[in-house]
């Protein structure tokens, strides 16, 4: 698939396509991705990546990379070897054992976005700093929602100590969901170790956790072409413990990458490949994700924009590149620029989720946040889950066997017949047709009679219902006590 090393003659091949439509990328034009791969190898070999971690530089140097100061130039053969070591598929385990997820390329799973600093207070409606309680409520809401498959600390637990924040955020999730959890914003080996030990308390020890990792992590790169020291050492810690770990560039066109989309794609790819190479050298066979959440700037304001057509194109290509490398993916999606739930958040997030799903993303990272991933509203989780449920159903397999065609039944009813009162309809309707959670499909008269409730009000009512009644899978008192003690020890 990609068994070659970059050479200058590659870029002179005039027969290669000079443009790429989204639909071309979704259909799978392998030549395009060979180009991206070759350009990434060129950057890795001849420009290099800045690694702030001395430990990471040492590992790469010992393997044959050229190190000069904090710049590491990685030869293509090391990258190719690392890609062969990385597993093509693995399972994400859940705390309760009921929500395990196979990353088999046949499903797209949805997770919340993260890691915002603000919450729109559910009672007052005012924007405020985020807290651990927001994570607890967010996790509980998402645990209830069938369309949300994976839980993420959507906001920062800013009311906790900096030294203990990473473990506090994971604890808040574990206590309020039985689903798999993906963490972000882990910036040191110590924070990684804290999260590993917390999960091990639940799993029954680190050996058991390695066999059934109930959480995973991804580490953000620092575009352009830089790897954070603490982030890389956290990734090394996770990989060594058997925790799946992803590498997540967020280069912004015209700001932290050139403004052209192809250059952003090549640079992001180089950043991901450099870290995957490091992890596979350090822990051969480590479970890794190919990730990305590239974005654009708004030409009027310079604002970060994750749901522009160009950003959605880039993110769809991230999903396609993960398929090219035969690696599971976490792809940024959603993160609407809207400041309140409503029409803009609906069209931007829906148009972000659909192409990235069609492109084959394994996990979409992007439920629940507004203002370009800066603001949590509980209602938006409900609204985004509604969109996710529709897309899941749209892309799900539909039966087309003999029984599904029901030709003999059609003959039996004949021209002008009615199917509503037939047992065949009763037997098959719940499998054949889906039901929304909050979308209103009633007549205008009925909707008016019920109080003309709009989608945001319906989402708000659903949040109240969930917070008042939903109970996650319980943890034993002994486990909860051990978790609390560990959290305290890391918070000092």
Protein backbone atom coordinates (compact mmCIF):
# COMPACT_ATOMS: atom_id res chain seq x y z
CA UNK A 1 0.00 0.00 0.00
CA UNK A 2 2.66 2.52 1.00
CA UNK A 3 5.89 0.53 0.74
CA UNK A 4 8.11 3.22 -0.72
CA UNK A 5 10.38 6.02 0.42
CA UNK A 6 10.06 9.58 -0.80
CA UNK A 7 12.28 10.68 -3.67
CA UNK A 8 12.31 13.94 -5.63
CA UNK A 9 11.12 12.40 -8.88
CA UNK A 10 7.81 11.62 -7.20
CA UNK A 11 6.75 15.27 -7.17
CA UNK A 12 7.61 15.65 -10.85
CA UNK A 13 5.12 13.04 -12.02
CA UNK A 14 2.81 15.17 -14.13
CA UNK A 15 0.30 12.36 -14.67
CA UNK A 16 -0.98 12.69 -11.10
CA UNK A 17 -4.21 14.57 -10.44
CA UNK A 18 -3.85 18.22 -9.48
CA UNK A 19 -7.26 18.58 -7.84
CA UNK A 20 -9.36 16.44 -5.51
CA UNK A 21 -13.09 16.68 -4.91
CA UNK A 22 -14.51 15.39 -1.66
CA UNK A 23 -16.47 12.75 -3.53
CA UNK A 24 -13.23 11.55 -5.18
CA UNK A 25 -11.61 11.15 -1.77
CA UNK A 26 -14.61 9.29 -0.41
CA UNK A 27 -14.58 6.89 -3.33
CA UNK A 28 -10.99 6.01 -2.53
CA UNK A 29 -8.45 7.38 -4.99
CA UNK A 30 -5.34 5.66 -3.60
CA UNK A 31 -2.96 7.75 -5.75
CA UNK A 32 -3.97 10.85 -3.82
CA UNK A 33 -3.09 9.28 -0.50
CA UNK A 34 0.18 7.97 -1.87
CA UNK A 35 1.00 11.62 -2.62
CA UNK A 36 0.12 12.72 0.90
CA UNK A 37 2.23 9.92 2.33
CA UNK A 38 5.21 10.76 0.13
CA UNK A 39 5.09 14.45 1.01
CA UNK A 40 4.86 13.58 4.72
CA UNK A 41 7.97 11.39 4.41
CA UNK A 42 9.75 14.27 2.70
CA UNK A 43 8.91 16.54 5.64
CA UNK A 44 10.00 13.92 8.17
CA UNK A 45 13.30 13.17 6.45
CA UNK A 46 14.34 16.61 5.23
CA UNK A 47 12.64 19.14 7.53
CA UNK A 48 12.13 17.17 10.71
CA UNK A 49 9.85 17.39 13.73
CA UNK A 50 10.59 19.32 16.90
CA UNK A 51 10.37 16.94 19.87
CA UNK A 52 10.52 18.76 23.18
CA UNK A 53 10.88 15.48 25.08
CA UNK A 54 14.48 14.37 25.66
CA UNK A 55 13.17 10.86 26.27
CA UNK A 56 11.41 10.79 22.90
CA UNK A 57 14.49 12.15 21.12
CA UNK A 58 16.63 9.45 22.72
CA UNK A 59 14.29 6.65 21.63
CA UNK A 60 14.22 7.92 18.05
CA UNK A 61 17.98 8.52 17.97
CA UNK A 62 18.72 5.01 19.18
CA UNK A 63 16.52 3.69 16.37
CA UNK A 64 18.45 5.57 13.71
CA UNK A 65 16.80 8.99 13.45
CA UNK A 66 19.00 12.07 13.04
CA UNK A 67 18.79 14.39 16.06
CA UNK A 68 20.08 17.94 16.05
CA UNK A 69 19.10 19.90 19.13
CA UNK A 70 15.38 19.29 19.50
CA UNK A 71 14.79 18.62 15.77
CA UNK A 72 14.44 14.98 14.78
CA UNK A 73 14.66 13.83 11.17
CA UNK A 74 13.08 10.42 10.75
CA UNK A 75 14.05 8.21 7.81
CA UNK A 76 11.22 6.71 5.80
CA UNK A 77 12.15 3.12 6.57
CA UNK A 78 11.51 3.73 10.30
CA UNK A 79 8.06 5.08 9.50
CA UNK A 80 7.24 2.16 7.20
CA UNK A 81 8.39 -0.33 9.83
CA UNK A 82 6.30 1.35 12.53
CA UNK A 83 3.17 1.30 10.39
CA UNK A 84 3.56 -2.44 9.93
CA UNK A 85 3.72 -2.93 13.72
CA UNK A 86 0.52 -1.03 14.51
CA UNK A 87 -2.64 -3.18 14.77
CA UNK A 88 -5.35 -2.58 12.19
CA UNK A 89 -8.21 -3.20 14.59
CA UNK A 90 -8.90 -3.62 18.27
CA UNK A 91 -11.74 -3.43 20.77
CA UNK A 92 -12.66 -0.60 23.10
CA UNK A 93 -13.95 -2.10 26.32
CA UNK A 94 -16.60 -0.61 28.57
CA UNK A 95 -16.66 -0.49 32.35
CA UNK A 96 -20.04 -2.25 32.50
CA UNK A 97 -19.24 -4.82 29.80
CA UNK A 98 -22.41 -3.89 27.90
CA UNK A 99 -21.00 -1.25 25.58
CA UNK A 100 -17.83 -2.80 24.11
CA UNK A 101 -17.01 -1.41 20.67
CA UNK A 102 -15.16 -3.15 17.84
CA UNK A 103 -13.07 -0.85 15.65
CA UNK A 104 -13.59 -2.97 12.56
CA UNK A 105 -14.13 -0.31 9.92
CA UNK A 106 -17.85 -1.11 9.75
CA UNK A 107 -19.15 1.41 12.26
CA UNK A 108 -18.82 5.07 13.15
CA UNK A 109 -19.07 5.73 16.87
CA UNK A 110 -19.84 9.09 18.43
CA UNK A 111 -18.08 10.75 21.35
CA UNK A 112 -18.35 14.18 22.91
CA UNK A 113 -16.01 16.96 21.96
CA UNK A 114 -13.52 18.39 24.48
CA UNK A 115 -12.00 20.08 26.29
CA UNK A 116 -13.89 23.36 26.73
CA UNK A 117 -13.25 25.93 29.42
CA UNK A 118 -16.80 27.28 29.69
CA UNK A 119 -20.31 26.04 30.37
CA UNK A 120 -23.62 27.75 29.69
CA UNK A 121 -25.17 27.33 33.13
CA UNK A 122 -28.29 25.19 32.85
CA UNK A 123 -30.22 27.18 35.48
CA UNK A 124 -29.11 30.78 34.95
CA UNK A 125 -28.29 30.68 31.25
CA UNK A 126 -25.06 32.60 31.90
CA UNK A 127 -21.65 31.54 30.62
CA UNK A 128 -19.24 30.55 33.40
CA UNK A 129 -16.07 28.58 33.98
CA UNK A 130 -16.48 24.83 33.75
CA UNK A 131 -16.39 22.51 36.78
CA UNK A 132 -16.09 18.85 37.69
CA UNK A 133 -19.86 18.78 38.27
CA UNK A 134 -20.36 19.70 34.61
CA UNK A 135 -18.36 16.62 33.60
CA UNK A 136 -20.43 14.46 35.95
CA UNK A 137 -23.71 15.71 34.47
CA UNK A 138 -22.44 15.56 30.90
CA UNK A 139 -21.34 11.95 31.40
CA UNK A 140 -24.68 10.99 32.95
CA UNK A 141 -26.63 12.55 30.07
CA UNK A 142 -24.45 10.81 27.50
CA UNK A 143 -24.59 7.50 29.34
CA UNK A 144 -28.36 7.59 28.80
CA UNK A 145 -28.20 8.50 25.11
CA UNK A 146 -27.97 5.47 22.84
CA UNK A 147 -26.46 7.49 20.00
CA UNK A 148 -23.47 8.54 22.12
CA UNK A 149 -21.13 5.56 22.22
CA UNK A 150 -18.07 6.92 24.03
CA UNK A 151 -17.75 9.41 26.87
CA UNK A 152 -15.22 12.25 26.96
CA UNK A 153 -14.56 14.86 29.66
CA UNK A 154 -16.15 17.58 27.52
CA UNK A 155 -14.96 20.42 29.72
CA UNK A 156 -12.13 21.08 32.13
CA UNK A 157 -12.61 20.46 35.85
CA UNK A 158 -11.28 23.93 36.54
CA UNK A 159 -12.43 23.88 40.16
CA UNK A 160 -9.94 21.10 40.99
CA UNK A 161 -6.20 21.35 41.59
CA UNK A 162 -4.01 21.52 38.49
CA UNK A 163 -1.95 18.59 39.77
CA UNK A 164 -5.04 16.39 40.08
CA UNK A 165 -7.19 17.69 37.24
CA UNK A 166 -6.58 14.82 34.80
CA UNK A 167 -7.54 12.15 37.34
CA UNK A 168 -10.51 14.18 38.62
CA UNK A 169 -11.90 14.42 35.10
CA UNK A 170 -11.59 10.69 34.49
CA UNK A 171 -13.12 9.89 37.89
CA UNK A 172 -16.13 12.09 37.07
CA UNK A 173 -16.69 10.05 33.93
CA UNK A 174 -16.19 6.61 35.48
CA UNK A 175 -18.68 7.38 38.24
CA UNK A 176 -21.39 8.43 35.80
CA UNK A 177 -21.12 6.05 32.86
CA UNK A 178 -20.52 2.41 32.09
CA UNK A 179 -19.37 3.21 28.54
CA UNK A 180 -15.82 3.45 27.20
CA UNK A 181 -14.05 6.75 27.92
CA UNK A 182 -11.55 8.71 25.84
CA UNK A 183 -9.45 11.29 27.67
CA UNK A 184 -7.69 14.35 26.33
CA UNK A 185 -5.50 17.12 27.76
CA UNK A 186 -3.09 14.76 29.51
CA UNK A 187 0.15 16.68 29.44
CA UNK A 188 2.60 14.64 31.50
CA UNK A 189 3.66 11.09 32.25
CA UNK A 190 2.47 11.69 35.83
CA UNK A 191 -1.07 12.52 34.64
CA UNK A 192 -1.04 9.46 32.39
CA UNK A 193 0.11 7.29 35.27
CA UNK A 194 -2.70 8.71 37.46
CA UNK A 195 -5.35 7.81 34.90
CA UNK A 196 -3.90 4.34 34.36
CA UNK A 197 -3.91 3.63 38.09
CA UNK A 198 -7.48 4.90 38.47
CA UNK A 199 -8.73 2.66 35.66
CA UNK A 200 -6.78 -0.26 37.15
CA UNK A 201 -8.71 0.11 40.41
CA UNK A 202 -11.91 -0.54 38.45
CA UNK A 203 -10.48 -3.19 36.13
CA UNK A 204 -8.89 -5.24 38.90
CA UNK A 205 -5.24 -4.33 38.40
CA UNK A 206 -2.99 -3.14 35.60
CA UNK A 207 -2.68 -6.61 34.07
CA UNK A 208 -6.46 -6.85 33.79
CA UNK A 209 -6.58 -3.31 32.42
CA UNK A 210 -4.08 -4.21 29.72
CA UNK A 211 -6.33 -7.09 28.65
CA UNK A 212 -9.50 -4.97 28.74
CA UNK A 213 -8.61 -1.26 28.52
CA UNK A 214 -11.75 0.61 29.60
CA UNK A 215 -10.44 3.98 28.47
CA UNK A 216 -8.16 5.38 25.82
CA UNK A 217 -6.43 8.68 25.22
CA UNK A 218 -5.29 10.96 22.50
CA UNK A 219 -2.51 13.54 22.63
CA UNK A 220 -2.58 16.73 20.60
CA UNK A 221 0.40 17.76 18.53
CA UNK A 222 1.57 21.39 18.47
CA UNK A 223 1.39 22.47 14.85
CA UNK A 224 3.44 23.21 12.91
CA UNK A 225 5.62 20.10 13.11
CA UNK A 226 6.11 20.04 16.89
CA UNK A 227 5.46 17.43 19.56
CA UNK A 228 4.80 18.59 23.11
CA UNK A 229 7.26 17.16 25.61
CA UNK A 230 4.77 16.21 28.30
CA UNK A 231 2.23 14.99 25.76
CA UNK A 232 4.69 12.61 24.12
CA UNK A 233 5.82 11.24 27.48
CA UNK A 234 2.18 10.71 28.43
CA UNK A 235 1.62 8.87 25.14
CA UNK A 236 4.63 6.66 25.84
CA UNK A 237 3.24 5.87 29.29
CA UNK A 238 -0.18 4.95 27.92
CA UNK A 239 1.26 2.80 25.14
CA UNK A 240 3.50 0.92 27.57
CA UNK A 241 0.46 0.14 29.74
CA UNK A 242 -1.57 -1.18 26.80
CA UNK A 243 -3.91 1.82 26.70
CA UNK A 244 -4.87 2.76 23.12
CA UNK A 245 -3.48 6.19 22.30
CA UNK A 246 -4.05 8.57 19.40
CA UNK A 247 -2.12 11.47 17.91
CA UNK A 248 -4.35 14.44 17.15
CA UNK A 249 -3.10 17.39 15.05
CA UNK A 250 -5.25 20.53 14.92
CA UNK A 251 -3.37 22.65 12.38
CA UNK A 252 -5.28 25.76 11.31
CA UNK A 253 -4.97 26.80 7.67
CA UNK A 254 -3.19 30.11 7.23
CA UNK A 255 -2.18 30.20 10.89
CA UNK A 256 -0.36 27.03 11.95
CA UNK A 257 -0.20 25.55 8.45
CA UNK A 258 -0.09 27.07 4.97
CA UNK A 259 -3.53 28.19 3.83
CA UNK A 260 -3.85 25.57 1.09
CA UNK A 261 -5.74 22.47 2.13
CA UNK A 262 -3.31 19.95 0.61
CA UNK A 263 -0.40 21.41 2.59
CA UNK A 264 -2.41 21.17 5.82
CA UNK A 265 -3.13 17.52 5.09
CA UNK A 266 0.53 16.68 4.40
CA UNK A 267 1.77 18.48 7.51
CA UNK A 268 -0.83 16.91 9.79
CA UNK A 269 0.09 13.53 8.36
CA UNK A 270 3.78 14.08 9.12
CA UNK A 271 2.94 14.97 12.72
CA UNK A 272 0.83 11.84 13.19
CA UNK A 273 3.38 9.54 11.56
CA UNK A 274 6.25 10.92 13.62
CA UNK A 275 4.49 10.10 16.89
CA UNK A 276 3.22 6.70 15.71
CA UNK A 277 6.81 5.86 14.78
CA UNK A 278 7.99 6.84 18.26
CA UNK A 279 5.30 4.75 19.97
CA UNK A 280 5.88 1.66 17.85
CA UNK A 281 9.64 1.81 18.46
CA UNK A 282 9.08 2.12 22.21
CA UNK A 283 6.19 -0.36 22.47
CA UNK A 284 5.96 -2.54 19.35
CA UNK A 285 2.37 -3.42 18.54
CA UNK A 286 0.95 -0.56 20.62
CA UNK A 287 -2.69 0.18 19.88
CA UNK A 288 -2.74 3.57 18.17
CA UNK A 289 -5.32 5.80 16.52
CA UNK A 290 -4.77 7.91 13.44
CA UNK A 291 -6.42 11.19 14.47
CA UNK A 292 -7.00 14.74 13.37
CA UNK A 293 -9.12 17.83 13.81
CA UNK A 294 -7.71 20.32 11.29
CA UNK A 295 -9.51 23.65 11.02
CA UNK A 296 -9.56 26.89 9.06
CA UNK A 297 -9.54 30.58 9.85
CA UNK A 298 -12.49 32.81 9.08
CA UNK A 299 -11.39 35.29 6.42
CA UNK A 300 -13.30 38.15 8.06
CA UNK A 301 -12.42 37.73 11.72
CA UNK A 302 -9.51 35.26 11.80
CA UNK A 303 -11.57 33.05 14.12
CA UNK A 304 -10.93 29.31 14.47
CA UNK A 305 -13.51 27.47 12.35
CA UNK A 306 -14.06 23.72 12.56
CA UNK A 307 -17.25 23.49 10.49
CA UNK A 308 -16.35 25.44 7.37
CA UNK A 309 -16.63 23.44 4.13
CA UNK A 310 -12.84 23.39 3.96
CA UNK A 311 -12.42 22.09 7.52
CA UNK A 312 -15.00 19.38 6.85
CA UNK A 313 -13.09 18.42 3.67
CA UNK A 314 -9.86 18.16 5.65
CA UNK A 315 -11.44 16.09 8.41
CA UNK A 316 -13.00 13.73 5.88
CA UNK A 317 -9.56 13.23 4.38
CA UNK A 318 -8.19 12.42 7.84
CA UNK A 319 -10.68 9.54 7.96
CA UNK A 320 -9.64 8.40 4.49
CA UNK A 321 -5.96 8.54 5.41
CA UNK A 322 -6.61 6.33 8.43
CA UNK A 323 -8.16 3.80 6.06
CA UNK A 324 -5.18 4.12 3.72
CA UNK A 325 -2.87 3.25 6.61
CA UNK A 326 -5.28 0.60 7.90
CA UNK A 327 -5.42 2.20 11.33
CA UNK A 328 -8.42 2.98 13.57
CA UNK A 329 -9.31 6.66 13.64
CA UNK A 330 -10.57 9.44 15.87
CA UNK A 331 -11.73 12.33 13.70
CA UNK A 332 -12.83 15.75 14.86
CA UNK A 333 -16.38 16.61 13.83
CA UNK A 334 -18.98 19.10 14.94
CA UNK A 335 -17.56 21.96 17.03
CA UNK A 336 -20.01 24.42 15.50
CA UNK A 337 -19.17 28.12 15.63
CA UNK A 338 -22.71 28.89 16.85
CA UNK A 339 -22.94 30.43 20.31
CA UNK A 340 -26.38 29.00 21.14
CA UNK A 341 -28.23 25.81 20.19
CA UNK A 342 -30.28 26.44 17.07
CA UNK A 343 -30.29 26.44 13.31
CA UNK A 344 -26.60 27.25 12.78
CA UNK A 345 -25.41 24.55 15.17
CA UNK A 346 -27.77 22.07 13.50
CA UNK A 347 -26.64 22.63 9.92
CA UNK A 348 -22.95 22.95 10.75
CA UNK A 349 -22.76 19.83 12.90
CA UNK A 350 -24.95 17.71 10.63
CA UNK A 351 -22.89 18.68 7.58
CA UNK A 352 -19.75 17.84 9.56
CA UNK A 353 -20.89 14.45 10.86
CA UNK A 354 -22.17 13.06 7.56
CA UNK A 355 -19.11 13.36 5.24
CA UNK A 356 -16.72 12.19 7.95
CA UNK A 357 -18.94 9.17 8.58
CA UNK A 358 -19.10 8.44 4.85
CA UNK A 359 -15.31 8.71 4.74
CA UNK A 360 -15.05 5.83 7.21
CA UNK A 361 -14.19 7.49 10.53
CA UNK A 362 -14.23 5.00 13.40
CA UNK A 363 -14.89 7.61 16.08
CA UNK A 364 -16.28 11.10 15.61
CA UNK A 365 -15.10 13.42 18.34
CA UNK A 366 -17.57 16.29 18.42
CA UNK A 367 -20.82 16.07 20.41
CA UNK A 368 -22.07 18.79 22.74
CA UNK A 369 -19.91 21.89 22.30
CA UNK A 370 -20.60 25.31 20.81
CA UNK A 371 -18.44 28.32 19.98
CA UNK A 372 -15.76 26.29 18.22
CA UNK A 373 -15.38 23.75 21.08
CA UNK A 374 -15.24 26.46 23.75
CA UNK A 375 -18.71 26.21 25.32
CA UNK A 376 -20.74 23.30 26.74
CA UNK A 377 -24.51 23.31 26.85
CA UNK A 378 -26.33 20.23 28.05
CA UNK A 379 -29.08 20.80 25.49
CA UNK A 380 -26.57 20.62 22.64
CA UNK A 381 -25.62 17.08 23.68
CA UNK A 382 -29.24 16.04 23.13
CA UNK A 383 -29.50 17.86 19.81
CA UNK A 384 -26.22 16.47 18.47
CA UNK A 385 -27.21 12.96 19.56
CA UNK A 386 -30.42 13.35 17.56
CA UNK A 387 -28.39 14.15 14.44
CA UNK A 388 -26.00 11.28 15.19
CA UNK A 389 -28.89 8.83 15.53
CA UNK A 390 -30.30 9.87 12.15
CA UNK A 391 -26.94 9.51 10.41
CA UNK A 392 -26.31 6.13 12.04
CA UNK A 393 -29.64 4.90 10.76
CA UNK A 394 -29.06 6.39 7.31
CA UNK A 395 -25.74 4.57 6.97
CA UNK A 396 -26.79 1.31 8.64
CA UNK A 397 -27.29 -1.85 6.57
CA UNK A 398 -30.82 -2.40 5.26
CA UNK A 399 -32.18 -5.91 4.73
CA UNK A 400 -32.63 -6.78 1.06
CA UNK A 401 -33.19 -10.54 1.36
CA UNK A 402 -36.23 -12.43 0.09
CA UNK A 403 -38.16 -11.89 3.30
CA UNK A 404 -37.48 -8.15 3.26
CA UNK A 405 -38.74 -7.79 -0.32
CA UNK A 406 -42.00 -9.48 0.79
CA UNK A 407 -43.14 -10.06 -2.78
CA UNK A 408 -45.65 -12.76 -1.87
CA UNK A 409 -47.16 -10.48 0.75
CA UNK A 410 -47.49 -7.67 -1.81
CA UNK A 411 -49.27 -10.10 -4.16
CA UNK A 412 -51.56 -11.17 -1.34
CA UNK A 413 -52.65 -7.61 -0.53
CA UNK A 414 -52.83 -6.69 -4.20
CA UNK A 415 -53.56 -3.35 -5.91
CA UNK A 416 -55.26 -0.76 -3.73
CA UNK A 417 -54.68 -2.67 -0.48
CA UNK A 418 -53.83 -1.23 2.95
CA UNK A 419 -50.87 -2.46 5.06
CA UNK A 420 -51.42 -0.57 8.30
CA UNK A 421 -53.47 -3.23 10.10
CA UNK A 422 -51.51 -6.25 8.92
CA UNK A 423 -49.43 -8.46 11.23
CA UNK A 424 -46.46 -8.16 8.86
CA UNK A 425 -46.38 -4.43 9.63
CA UNK A 426 -46.64 -5.00 13.37
CA UNK A 427 -43.91 -7.64 13.27
CA UNK A 428 -41.40 -5.62 11.24
CA UNK A 429 -42.10 -1.95 11.91
CA UNK A 430 -39.67 -1.40 14.79
CA UNK A 431 -36.81 -2.94 12.86
CA UNK A 432 -37.68 -1.28 9.56
CA UNK A 433 -38.33 2.23 10.87
CA UNK A 434 -36.60 4.41 13.45
CA UNK A 435 -38.06 6.77 16.03
CA UNK A 436 -36.52 10.12 16.98
CA UNK A 437 -35.87 11.12 20.54
CA UNK A 438 -37.06 14.72 20.46
CA UNK A 439 -37.86 15.59 16.84
CA UNK A 440 -41.52 16.56 16.42
CA UNK A 441 -43.42 14.67 13.70
CA UNK A 442 -46.95 15.45 14.82
CA UNK A 443 -49.47 17.54 12.88
CA UNK A 444 -49.35 21.32 13.14
CA UNK A 445 -52.58 21.32 15.15
CA UNK A 446 -51.26 18.79 17.66
CA UNK A 447 -47.92 20.62 17.96
CA UNK A 448 -49.78 23.91 18.58
CA UNK A 449 -52.03 22.27 21.16
CA UNK A 450 -49.01 20.93 23.07
CA UNK A 451 -47.56 24.42 23.46
CA UNK A 452 -45.52 24.92 20.25
CA UNK A 453 -42.44 23.37 21.80
CA UNK A 454 -39.28 23.96 19.73
CA UNK A 455 -36.30 21.61 19.52
CA UNK A 456 -34.19 23.44 22.10
CA UNK A 457 -37.02 23.41 24.64
CA UNK A 458 -37.58 19.71 23.94
CA UNK A 459 -33.85 19.07 24.50
CA UNK A 460 -33.97 21.02 27.74
CA UNK A 461 -36.88 18.93 28.98
CA UNK A 462 -34.97 15.78 28.08
CA UNK A 463 -31.94 16.94 30.07
CA UNK A 464 -34.13 17.50 33.14
CA UNK A 465 -35.65 14.05 32.75
CA UNK A 466 -32.27 12.32 32.46
CA UNK A 467 -30.64 14.16 35.36
CA UNK A 468 -33.63 13.40 37.59
CA UNK A 469 -34.00 9.71 36.84
CA UNK A 470 -31.08 8.05 35.06
CA UNK A 471 -28.74 5.82 37.04
CA UNK A 472 -25.46 4.55 35.54
CA UNK A 473 -24.11 1.06 36.13
CA UNK A 474 -23.01 1.06 39.78
CA UNK A 475 -19.53 0.65 41.20
CA UNK A 476 -18.99 -1.15 44.47
CA UNK A 477 -18.41 0.89 47.64
CA UNK A 478 -14.90 -0.54 47.98
CA UNK A 479 -13.96 0.53 44.46
CA UNK A 480 -15.41 4.00 44.96
CA UNK A 481 -13.44 4.45 48.17
CA UNK A 482 -10.21 3.28 46.52
CA UNK A 483 -10.83 5.64 43.60
CA UNK A 484 -11.41 8.57 45.95
CA UNK A 485 -8.22 7.89 47.90
CA UNK A 486 -6.18 7.67 44.71
CA UNK A 487 -7.65 10.94 43.41
CA UNK A 488 -6.76 12.66 46.68
CA UNK A 489 -3.21 11.36 46.56
CA UNK A 490 -2.66 12.81 43.08
CA UNK A 491 -4.36 16.11 43.98
CA UNK A 492 -1.85 17.21 46.61
